[in-house]
PDB file of N, CA and C in Angstrom:
ATOM      1  N   UNK A   1      14.561 -35.055  19.055  1.00  0.00           N
ATOM      2  CA  UNK A   1      13.689 -34.357  18.155  1.00  0.00           C
ATOM      3  C   UNK A   1      14.511 -33.884  16.952  1.00  0.00           C
ATOM      4  N   UNK A   2      14.006 -34.126  15.750  1.00  0.00           N
ATOM      5  CA  UNK A   2      14.706 -33.770  14.525  1.00  0.00           C
ATOM      6  C   UNK A   2      13.997 -32.571  13.879  1.00  0.00           C
ATOM      7  N   UNK A   3      14.798 -31.592  13.493  1.00  0.00           N
ATOM      8  CA  UNK A   3      14.236 -30.411  12.834  1.00  0.00           C
ATOM      9  C   UNK A   3      14.712 -30.360  11.393  1.00  0.00           C
ATOM     10  N   UNK A   4      13.839 -29.952  10.508  1.00  0.00           N
ATOM     11  CA  UNK A   4      14.205 -29.804   9.105  1.00  0.00           C
ATOM     12  C   UNK A   4      15.062 -28.551   8.934  1.00  0.00           C
ATOM     13  N   UNK A   5      15.892 -28.566   7.921  1.00  0.00           N
ATOM     14  CA  UNK A   5      16.699 -27.386   7.642  1.00  0.00           C
ATOM     15  C   UNK A   5      15.830 -26.300   7.036  1.00  0.00           C
ATOM     16  N   UNK A   6      16.179 -25.075   7.322  1.00  0.00           N
ATOM     17  CA  UNK A   6      15.446 -23.951   6.780  1.00  0.00           C
ATOM     18  C   UNK A   6      15.783 -23.795   5.293  1.00  0.00           C
ATOM     19  N   UNK A   7      14.795 -23.872   4.400  1.00  0.00           N
ATOM     20  CA  UNK A   7      15.075 -23.765   2.965  1.00  0.00           C
ATOM     21  C   UNK A   7      15.350 -22.326   2.513  1.00  0.00           C
ATOM     22  N   UNK A   8      15.124 -21.369   3.383  1.00  0.00           N
ATOM     23  CA  UNK A   8      15.286 -19.965   3.018  1.00  0.00           C
ATOM     24  C   UNK A   8      16.603 -19.426   3.548  1.00  0.00           C
ATOM     25  N   UNK A   9      17.320 -18.773   2.686  1.00  0.00           N
ATOM     26  CA  UNK A   9      18.575 -18.164   3.087  1.00  0.00           C
ATOM     27  C   UNK A   9      18.472 -16.671   2.811  1.00  0.00           C
ATOM     28  N   UNK A  10      18.462 -15.884   3.868  1.00  0.00           N
ATOM     29  CA  UNK A  10      18.303 -14.448   3.732  1.00  0.00           C
ATOM     30  C   UNK A  10      19.660 -13.772   3.595  1.00  0.00           C
ATOM     31  N   UNK A  11      19.758 -12.887   2.622  1.00  0.00           N
ATOM     32  CA  UNK A  11      20.978 -12.097   2.442  1.00  0.00           C
ATOM     33  C   UNK A  11      20.573 -10.640   2.247  1.00  0.00           C
ATOM     34  N   UNK A  12      21.468  -9.728   2.604  1.00  0.00           N
ATOM     35  CA  UNK A  12      21.172  -8.311   2.466  1.00  0.00           C
ATOM     36  C   UNK A  12      20.937  -7.927   1.007  1.00  0.00           C
ATOM     37  N   UNK A  13      21.709  -8.491   0.091  1.00  0.00           N
ATOM     38  CA  UNK A  13      21.539  -8.158  -1.330  1.00  0.00           C
ATOM     39  C   UNK A  13      20.158  -8.541  -1.828  1.00  0.00           C
ATOM     40  N   UNK A  14      19.734  -9.743  -1.492  1.00  0.00           N
ATOM     41  CA  UNK A  14      18.434 -10.225  -1.951  1.00  0.00           C
ATOM     42  C   UNK A  14      17.301  -9.439  -1.296  1.00  0.00           C
ATOM     43  N   UNK A  15      17.440  -9.171  -0.009  1.00  0.00           N
ATOM     44  CA  UNK A  15      16.400  -8.411   0.684  1.00  0.00           C
ATOM     45  C   UNK A  15      16.342  -6.970   0.176  1.00  0.00           C
ATOM     46  N   UNK A  16      17.498  -6.375  -0.090  1.00  0.00           N
ATOM     47  CA  UNK A  16      17.536  -4.999  -0.596  1.00  0.00           C
ATOM     48  C   UNK A  16      16.875  -4.914  -1.970  1.00  0.00           C
ATOM     49  N   UNK A  17      17.011  -5.982  -2.763  1.00  0.00           N
ATOM     50  CA  UNK A  17      16.398  -6.004  -4.090  1.00  0.00           C
ATOM     51  C   UNK A  17      14.877  -5.910  -3.990  1.00  0.00           C
ATOM     52  N   UNK A  18      14.313  -6.340  -2.887  1.00  0.00           N
ATOM     53  CA  UNK A  18      12.861  -6.230  -2.682  1.00  0.00           C
ATOM     54  C   UNK A  18      12.494  -4.990  -1.877  1.00  0.00           C
ATOM     55  N   UNK A  19      13.290  -4.674  -0.881  1.00  0.00           N
ATOM     56  CA  UNK A  19      12.956  -3.565   0.009  1.00  0.00           C
ATOM     57  C   UNK A  19      13.114  -2.193  -0.645  1.00  0.00           C
ATOM     58  N   UNK A  20      14.156  -2.021  -1.447  1.00  0.00           N
ATOM     59  CA  UNK A  20      14.392  -0.719  -2.066  1.00  0.00           C
ATOM     60  C   UNK A  20      13.253  -0.316  -3.009  1.00  0.00           C
ATOM     61  N   UNK A  21      12.880  -1.149  -3.985  1.00  0.00           N
ATOM     62  CA  UNK A  21      11.753  -0.766  -4.850  1.00  0.00           C
ATOM     63  C   UNK A  21      10.443  -0.632  -4.064  1.00  0.00           C
ATOM     64  N   UNK A  22      10.271  -1.473  -3.063  1.00  0.00           N
ATOM     65  CA  UNK A  22       9.074  -1.396  -2.236  1.00  0.00           C
ATOM     66  C   UNK A  22       9.015  -0.070  -1.490  1.00  0.00           C
ATOM     67  N   UNK A  23      10.141   0.348  -0.931  1.00  0.00           N
ATOM     68  CA  UNK A  23      10.202   1.627  -0.235  1.00  0.00           C
ATOM     69  C   UNK A  23       9.977   2.797  -1.163  1.00  0.00           C
ATOM     70  N   UNK A  24      10.563   2.734  -2.340  1.00  0.00           N
ATOM     71  CA  UNK A  24      10.366   3.804  -3.325  1.00  0.00           C
ATOM     72  C   UNK A  24       8.894   3.859  -3.749  1.00  0.00           C
ATOM     73  N   UNK A  25       8.335   2.705  -4.017  1.00  0.00           N
ATOM     74  CA  UNK A  25       6.913   2.652  -4.399  1.00  0.00           C
ATOM     75  C   UNK A  25       6.012   3.191  -3.301  1.00  0.00           C
ATOM     76  N   UNK A  26       6.314   2.862  -2.060  1.00  0.00           N
ATOM     77  CA  UNK A  26       5.517   3.364  -0.941  1.00  0.00           C
ATOM     78  C   UNK A  26       5.640   4.873  -0.819  1.00  0.00           C
ATOM     79  N   UNK A  27       6.850   5.385  -0.976  1.00  0.00           N
ATOM     80  CA  UNK A  27       7.058   6.832  -0.891  1.00  0.00           C
ATOM     81  C   UNK A  27       6.323   7.578  -1.983  1.00  0.00           C
ATOM     82  N   UNK A  28       6.415   7.072  -3.204  1.00  0.00           N
ATOM     83  CA  UNK A  28       5.712   7.705  -4.328  1.00  0.00           C
ATOM     84  C   UNK A  28       4.203   7.633  -4.104  1.00  0.00           C
ATOM     85  N   UNK A  29       3.731   6.488  -3.631  1.00  0.00           N
ATOM     86  CA  UNK A  29       2.307   6.327  -3.354  1.00  0.00           C
ATOM     87  C   UNK A  29       1.836   7.337  -2.311  1.00  0.00           C
ATOM     88  N   UNK A  30       2.607   7.508  -1.262  1.00  0.00           N
ATOM     89  CA  UNK A  30       2.238   8.461  -0.213  1.00  0.00           C
ATOM     90  C   UNK A  30       2.222   9.887  -0.749  1.00  0.00           C
ATOM     91  N   UNK A  31       3.235  10.249  -1.538  1.00  0.00           N
ATOM     92  CA  UNK A  31       3.274  11.596  -2.102  1.00  0.00           C
ATOM     93  C   UNK A  31       2.090  11.858  -3.025  1.00  0.00           C
ATOM     94  N   UNK A  32       1.777  10.885  -3.874  1.00  0.00           N
ATOM     95  CA  UNK A  32       0.638  11.048  -4.782  1.00  0.00           C
ATOM     96  C   UNK A  32      -0.672  11.126  -4.012  1.00  0.00           C
ATOM     97  N   UNK A  33      -0.776  10.339  -2.960  1.00  0.00           N
ATOM     98  CA  UNK A  33      -1.997  10.342  -2.152  1.00  0.00           C
ATOM     99  C   UNK A  33      -2.187  11.700  -1.478  1.00  0.00           C
ATOM    100  N   UNK A  34      -1.107  12.257  -0.948  1.00  0.00           N
ATOM    101  CA  UNK A  34      -1.205  13.554  -0.279  1.00  0.00           C
ATOM    102  C   UNK A  34      -1.453  14.689  -1.274  1.00  0.00           C
ATOM    103  N   UNK A  35      -0.965  14.533  -2.487  1.00  0.00           N
ATOM    104  CA  UNK A  35      -1.141  15.558  -3.520  1.00  0.00           C
ATOM    105  C   UNK A  35      -2.561  15.547  -4.089  1.00  0.00           C
ATOM    106  N   UNK A  36      -3.233  14.419  -4.010  1.00  0.00           N
ATOM    107  CA  UNK A  36      -4.566  14.251  -4.564  1.00  0.00           C
ATOM    108  C   UNK A  36      -5.577  15.056  -3.755  1.00  0.00           C
ATOM    109  N   UNK A  37      -6.348  15.884  -4.434  1.00  0.00           N
ATOM    110  CA  UNK A  37      -7.372  16.702  -3.787  1.00  0.00           C
ATOM    111  C   UNK A  37      -8.753  16.135  -4.120  1.00  0.00           C
ATOM    112  N   UNK A  38      -9.614  16.013  -3.128  1.00  0.00           N
ATOM    113  CA  UNK A  38     -10.968  15.522  -3.416  1.00  0.00           C
ATOM    114  C   UNK A  38     -11.740  16.547  -4.256  1.00  0.00           C
ATOM    115  N   UNK A  39     -12.745  16.059  -4.953  1.00  0.00           N
ATOM    116  CA  UNK A  39     -13.583  16.938  -5.759  1.00  0.00           C
ATOM    117  C   UNK A  39     -14.362  17.898  -4.866  1.00  0.00           C
ATOM    118  N   UNK A  40     -14.620  19.070  -5.383  1.00  0.00           N
ATOM    119  CA  UNK A  40     -15.521  20.004  -4.705  1.00  0.00           C
ATOM    120  C   UNK A  40     -16.947  19.600  -5.037  1.00  0.00           C
ATOM    121  N   UNK A  41     -17.904  20.128  -4.295  1.00  0.00           N
ATOM    122  CA  UNK A  41     -19.312  19.805  -4.576  1.00  0.00           C
ATOM    123  C   UNK A  41     -19.705  20.262  -5.977  1.00  0.00           C
ATOM    124  N   UNK A  42     -19.161  21.372  -6.422  1.00  0.00           N
ATOM    125  CA  UNK A  42     -19.461  21.872  -7.764  1.00  0.00           C
ATOM    126  C   UNK A  42     -18.966  20.891  -8.828  1.00  0.00           C
ATOM    127  N   UNK A  43     -17.768  20.352  -8.633  1.00  0.00           N
ATOM    128  CA  UNK A  43     -17.227  19.384  -9.586  1.00  0.00           C
ATOM    129  C   UNK A  43     -18.045  18.099  -9.576  1.00  0.00           C
ATOM    130  N   UNK A  44     -18.480  17.664  -8.405  1.00  0.00           N
ATOM    131  CA  UNK A  44     -19.285  16.445  -8.307  1.00  0.00           C
ATOM    132  C   UNK A  44     -20.618  16.631  -9.022  1.00  0.00           C
ATOM    133  N   UNK A  45     -21.222  17.787  -8.861  1.00  0.00           N
ATOM    134  CA  UNK A  45     -22.517  18.048  -9.494  1.00  0.00           C
ATOM    135  C   UNK A  45     -22.407  18.105 -11.013  1.00  0.00           C
ATOM    136  N   UNK A  46     -21.249  18.486 -11.532  1.00  0.00           N
ATOM    137  CA  UNK A  46     -21.066  18.574 -12.993  1.00  0.00           C
ATOM    138  C   UNK A  46     -20.702  17.231 -13.625  1.00  0.00           C
ATOM    139  N   UNK A  47     -20.433  16.215 -12.837  1.00  0.00           N
ATOM    140  CA  UNK A  47     -20.049  14.918 -13.385  1.00  0.00           C
ATOM    141  C   UNK A  47     -21.191  14.304 -14.190  1.00  0.00           C
ATOM    142  N   UNK A  48     -20.823  13.650 -15.282  1.00  0.00           N
ATOM    143  CA  UNK A  48     -21.794  12.960 -16.124  1.00  0.00           C
ATOM    144  C   UNK A  48     -21.673  11.461 -15.857  1.00  0.00           C
ATOM    145  N   UNK A  49     -22.720  10.892 -15.313  1.00  0.00           N
ATOM    146  CA  UNK A  49     -22.697   9.471 -14.954  1.00  0.00           C
ATOM    147  C   UNK A  49     -22.441   8.585 -16.174  1.00  0.00           C
ATOM    148  N   UNK A  50     -22.821   9.023 -17.359  1.00  0.00           N
ATOM    149  CA  UNK A  50     -22.633   8.224 -18.570  1.00  0.00           C
ATOM    150  C   UNK A  50     -21.175   8.184 -19.019  1.00  0.00           C
ATOM    151  N   UNK A  51     -20.333   9.046 -18.476  1.00  0.00           N
ATOM    152  CA  UNK A  51     -18.911   9.010 -18.835  1.00  0.00           C
ATOM    153  C   UNK A  51     -18.140   7.989 -17.997  1.00  0.00           C
ATOM    154  N   UNK A  52     -18.806   7.429 -16.991  1.00  0.00           N
ATOM    155  CA  UNK A  52     -18.178   6.411 -16.140  1.00  0.00           C
ATOM    156  C   UNK A  52     -18.483   5.041 -16.742  1.00  0.00           C
ATOM    157  N   UNK A  53     -17.466   4.157 -16.857  1.00  0.00           N
ATOM    158  CA  UNK A  53     -17.739   2.813 -17.388  1.00  0.00           C
ATOM    159  C   UNK A  53     -18.844   2.109 -16.589  1.00  0.00           C
ATOM    160  N   UNK A  54     -19.648   1.312 -17.281  1.00  0.00           N
ATOM    161  CA  UNK A  54     -20.805   0.670 -16.649  1.00  0.00           C
ATOM    162  C   UNK A  54     -20.439  -0.159 -15.423  1.00  0.00           C
ATOM    163  N   UNK A  55     -19.326  -0.878 -15.475  1.00  0.00           N
ATOM    164  CA  UNK A  55     -18.979  -1.742 -14.349  1.00  0.00           C
ATOM    165  C   UNK A  55     -18.530  -0.953 -13.119  1.00  0.00           C
ATOM    166  N   UNK A  56     -18.298   0.364 -13.245  1.00  0.00           N
ATOM    167  CA  UNK A  56     -17.895   1.183 -12.107  1.00  0.00           C
ATOM    168  C   UNK A  56     -18.977   2.157 -11.644  1.00  0.00           C
ATOM    169  N   UNK A  57     -20.093   2.179 -12.322  1.00  0.00           N
ATOM    170  CA  UNK A  57     -21.136   3.151 -11.986  1.00  0.00           C
ATOM    171  C   UNK A  57     -21.708   2.959 -10.592  1.00  0.00           C
ATOM    172  N   UNK A  58     -21.754   1.729 -10.109  1.00  0.00           N
ATOM    173  CA  UNK A  58     -22.298   1.505  -8.774  1.00  0.00           C
ATOM    174  C   UNK A  58     -21.491   2.263  -7.724  1.00  0.00           C
ATOM    175  N   UNK A  59     -20.207   2.454  -7.960  1.00  0.00           N
ATOM    176  CA  UNK A  59     -19.355   3.150  -6.999  1.00  0.00           C
ATOM    177  C   UNK A  59     -19.650   4.640  -6.943  1.00  0.00           C
ATOM    178  N   UNK A  60     -20.270   5.174  -7.975  1.00  0.00           N
ATOM    179  CA  UNK A  60     -20.567   6.611  -7.978  1.00  0.00           C
ATOM    180  C   UNK A  60     -21.688   6.945  -7.005  1.00  0.00           C
ATOM    181  N   UNK A  61     -22.419   5.956  -6.566  1.00  0.00           N
ATOM    182  CA  UNK A  61     -23.532   6.189  -5.638  1.00  0.00           C
ATOM    183  C   UNK A  61     -23.191   5.771  -4.213  1.00  0.00           C
ATOM    184  N   UNK A  62     -21.936   5.430  -3.974  1.00  0.00           N
ATOM    185  CA  UNK A  62     -21.522   4.945  -2.657  1.00  0.00           C
ATOM    186  C   UNK A  62     -20.520   5.912  -2.033  1.00  0.00           C
ATOM    187  N   UNK A  63     -20.722   6.255  -0.782  1.00  0.00           N
ATOM    188  CA  UNK A  63     -19.737   7.035  -0.049  1.00  0.00           C
ATOM    189  C   UNK A  63     -19.904   6.732   1.433  1.00  0.00           C
ATOM    190  N   UNK A  64     -18.782   6.526   2.074  1.00  0.00           N
ATOM    191  CA  UNK A  64     -18.798   6.244   3.499  1.00  0.00           C
ATOM    192  C   UNK A  64     -17.570   6.870   4.136  1.00  0.00           C
ATOM    193  N   UNK A  65     -17.801   7.731   5.104  1.00  0.00           N
ATOM    194  CA  UNK A  65     -16.682   8.340   5.822  1.00  0.00           C
ATOM    195  C   UNK A  65     -15.906   7.271   6.589  1.00  0.00           C
ATOM    196  N   UNK A  66     -16.607   6.260   7.113  1.00  0.00           N
ATOM    197  CA  UNK A  66     -15.936   5.163   7.824  1.00  0.00           C
ATOM    198  C   UNK A  66     -15.014   4.392   6.875  1.00  0.00           C
ATOM    199  N   UNK A  67     -15.509   4.124   5.659  1.00  0.00           N
ATOM    200  CA  UNK A  67     -14.699   3.400   4.677  1.00  0.00           C
ATOM    201  C   UNK A  67     -13.487   4.231   4.269  1.00  0.00           C
ATOM    202  N   UNK A  68     -13.672   5.534   4.141  1.00  0.00           N
ATOM    203  CA  UNK A  68     -12.538   6.405   3.793  1.00  0.00           C
ATOM    204  C   UNK A  68     -11.475   6.372   4.893  1.00  0.00           C
ATOM    205  N   UNK A  69     -11.917   6.454   6.140  1.00  0.00           N
ATOM    206  CA  UNK A  69     -10.969   6.423   7.260  1.00  0.00           C
ATOM    207  C   UNK A  69     -10.262   5.069   7.333  1.00  0.00           C
ATOM    208  N   UNK A  70     -11.017   3.980   7.132  1.00  0.00           N
ATOM    209  CA  UNK A  70     -10.420   2.639   7.150  1.00  0.00           C
ATOM    210  C   UNK A  70      -9.389   2.500   6.034  1.00  0.00           C
ATOM    211  N   UNK A  71      -9.688   3.044   4.861  1.00  0.00           N
ATOM    212  CA  UNK A  71      -8.752   3.006   3.744  1.00  0.00           C
ATOM    213  C   UNK A  71      -7.464   3.754   4.086  1.00  0.00           C
ATOM    214  N   UNK A  72      -7.595   4.909   4.729  1.00  0.00           N
ATOM    215  CA  UNK A  72      -6.411   5.679   5.134  1.00  0.00           C
ATOM    216  C   UNK A  72      -5.575   4.901   6.142  1.00  0.00           C
ATOM    217  N   UNK A  73      -6.229   4.252   7.097  1.00  0.00           N
ATOM    218  CA  UNK A  73      -5.511   3.471   8.110  1.00  0.00           C
ATOM    219  C   UNK A  73      -4.746   2.331   7.451  1.00  0.00           C
ATOM    220  N   UNK A  74      -5.378   1.649   6.514  1.00  0.00           N
ATOM    221  CA  UNK A  74      -4.719   0.548   5.809  1.00  0.00           C
ATOM    222  C   UNK A  74      -3.522   1.066   5.016  1.00  0.00           C
ATOM    223  N   UNK A  75      -3.692   2.198   4.341  1.00  0.00           N
ATOM    224  CA  UNK A  75      -2.593   2.773   3.567  1.00  0.00           C
ATOM    225  C   UNK A  75      -1.400   3.087   4.462  1.00  0.00           C
ATOM    226  N   UNK A  76      -1.629   3.824   5.535  1.00  0.00           N
ATOM    227  CA  UNK A  76      -0.519   4.240   6.406  1.00  0.00           C
ATOM    228  C   UNK A  76       0.104   3.053   7.140  1.00  0.00           C
ATOM    229  N   UNK A  77      -0.699   2.070   7.520  1.00  0.00           N
ATOM    230  CA  UNK A  77      -0.116   0.905   8.204  1.00  0.00           C
ATOM    231  C   UNK A  77       0.714   0.069   7.235  1.00  0.00           C
ATOM    232  N   UNK A  78       0.303  -0.011   5.976  1.00  0.00           N
ATOM    233  CA  UNK A  78       1.087  -0.733   4.978  1.00  0.00           C
ATOM    234  C   UNK A  78       2.431  -0.056   4.752  1.00  0.00           C
ATOM    235  N   UNK A  79       2.411   1.256   4.653  1.00  0.00           N
ATOM    236  CA  UNK A  79       3.654   1.997   4.447  1.00  0.00           C
ATOM    237  C   UNK A  79       4.575   1.855   5.654  1.00  0.00           C
ATOM    238  N   UNK A  80       4.021   1.969   6.856  1.00  0.00           N
ATOM    239  CA  UNK A  80       4.867   1.868   8.045  1.00  0.00           C
ATOM    240  C   UNK A  80       5.391   0.448   8.229  1.00  0.00           C
ATOM    241  N   UNK A  81       4.603  -0.555   7.854  1.00  0.00           N
ATOM    242  CA  UNK A  81       5.074  -1.938   7.955  1.00  0.00           C
ATOM    243  C   UNK A  81       6.264  -2.169   7.034  1.00  0.00           C
ATOM    244  N   UNK A  82       6.191  -1.616   5.832  1.00  0.00           N
ATOM    245  CA  UNK A  82       7.313  -1.766   4.903  1.00  0.00           C
ATOM    246  C   UNK A  82       8.559  -1.080   5.450  1.00  0.00           C
ATOM    247  N   UNK A  83       8.386   0.017   6.141  1.00  0.00           N
ATOM    248  CA  UNK A  83       9.530   0.721   6.719  1.00  0.00           C
ATOM    249  C   UNK A  83      10.147  -0.084   7.857  1.00  0.00           C
ATOM    250  N   UNK A  84       9.335  -0.887   8.542  1.00  0.00           N
ATOM    251  CA  UNK A  84       9.824  -1.677   9.670  1.00  0.00           C
ATOM    252  C   UNK A  84      10.392  -3.035   9.260  1.00  0.00           C
ATOM    253  N   UNK A  85      10.185  -3.453   8.025  1.00  0.00           N
ATOM    254  CA  UNK A  85      10.619  -4.782   7.594  1.00  0.00           C
ATOM    255  C   UNK A  85      12.097  -5.077   7.833  1.00  0.00           C
ATOM    256  N   UNK A  86      13.013  -4.160   7.582  1.00  0.00           N
ATOM    257  CA  UNK A  86      14.412  -4.506   7.850  1.00  0.00           C
ATOM    258  C   UNK A  86      14.639  -4.906   9.305  1.00  0.00           C
ATOM    259  N   UNK A  87      13.958  -4.267  10.244  1.00  0.00           N
ATOM    260  CA  UNK A  87      14.096  -4.627  11.649  1.00  0.00           C
ATOM    261  C   UNK A  87      13.403  -5.920  12.000  1.00  0.00           C
ATOM    262  N   UNK A  88      12.357  -6.274  11.251  1.00  0.00           N
ATOM    263  CA  UNK A  88      11.607  -7.489  11.533  1.00  0.00           C
ATOM    264  C   UNK A  88      12.237  -8.740  10.917  1.00  0.00           C
ATOM    265  N   UNK A  89      13.137  -8.557   9.965  1.00  0.00           N
ATOM    266  CA  UNK A  89      13.689  -9.713   9.248  1.00  0.00           C
ATOM    267  C   UNK A  89      15.019 -10.193   9.837  1.00  0.00           C
ATOM    268  N   UNK A  90      15.208 -10.034  11.122  1.00  0.00           N
ATOM    269  CA  UNK A  90      16.411 -10.529  11.769  1.00  0.00           C
ATOM    270  C   UNK A  90      16.206 -11.998  12.104  1.00  0.00           C
ATOM    271  N   UNK A  91      16.548 -12.852  11.195  1.00  0.00           N
ATOM    272  CA  UNK A  91      16.374 -14.298  11.361  1.00  0.00           C
ATOM    273  C   UNK A  91      17.713 -14.959  11.655  1.00  0.00           C
ATOM    274  N   UNK A  92      17.674 -16.202  12.088  1.00  0.00           N
ATOM    275  CA  UNK A  92      18.891 -16.947  12.408  1.00  0.00           C
ATOM    276  C   UNK A  92      19.838 -17.030  11.229  1.00  0.00           C
ATOM    277  N   UNK A  93      19.309 -17.290  10.050  1.00  0.00           N
ATOM    278  CA  UNK A  93      20.144 -17.543   8.890  1.00  0.00           C
ATOM    279  C   UNK A  93      20.451 -16.293   8.080  1.00  0.00           C
ATOM    280  N   UNK A  94      20.282 -15.153   8.665  1.00  0.00           N
ATOM    281  CA  UNK A  94      20.525 -13.907   7.958  1.00  0.00           C
ATOM    282  C   UNK A  94      22.018 -13.669   7.837  1.00  0.00           C
ATOM    283  N   UNK A  95      22.499 -13.545   6.589  1.00  0.00           N
ATOM    284  CA  UNK A  95      23.933 -13.356   6.355  1.00  0.00           C
ATOM    285  C   UNK A  95      24.213 -11.913   5.961  1.00  0.00           C
ATOM    286  N   UNK A  96      25.331 -11.397   6.428  1.00  0.00           N
ATOM    287  CA  UNK A  96      25.723 -10.027   6.077  1.00  0.00           C
ATOM    288  C   UNK A  96      26.685 -10.016   4.919  1.00  0.00           C
TER     289      UNK A  96
END
């Protein structure tokens, strides 16, 4: 049986060039997400629908607690996956 050579060569420098900015971006995203406060009912009632661009107005009439929870799960799983990537990228051709 003949196997093709692996065209990908993993190195710590190349992986760090992707992982470091990705980790920083994830951290900043998490901090901004936690800092963000939802509108109060008073603020929602004062909103002017005409100040929202037309292509986004449909979203002003939609709300789902299930969708909000699903969005949170996706956010946290994406961040945790990025944190686990160094452990998951232990391949045969990984050079130190």
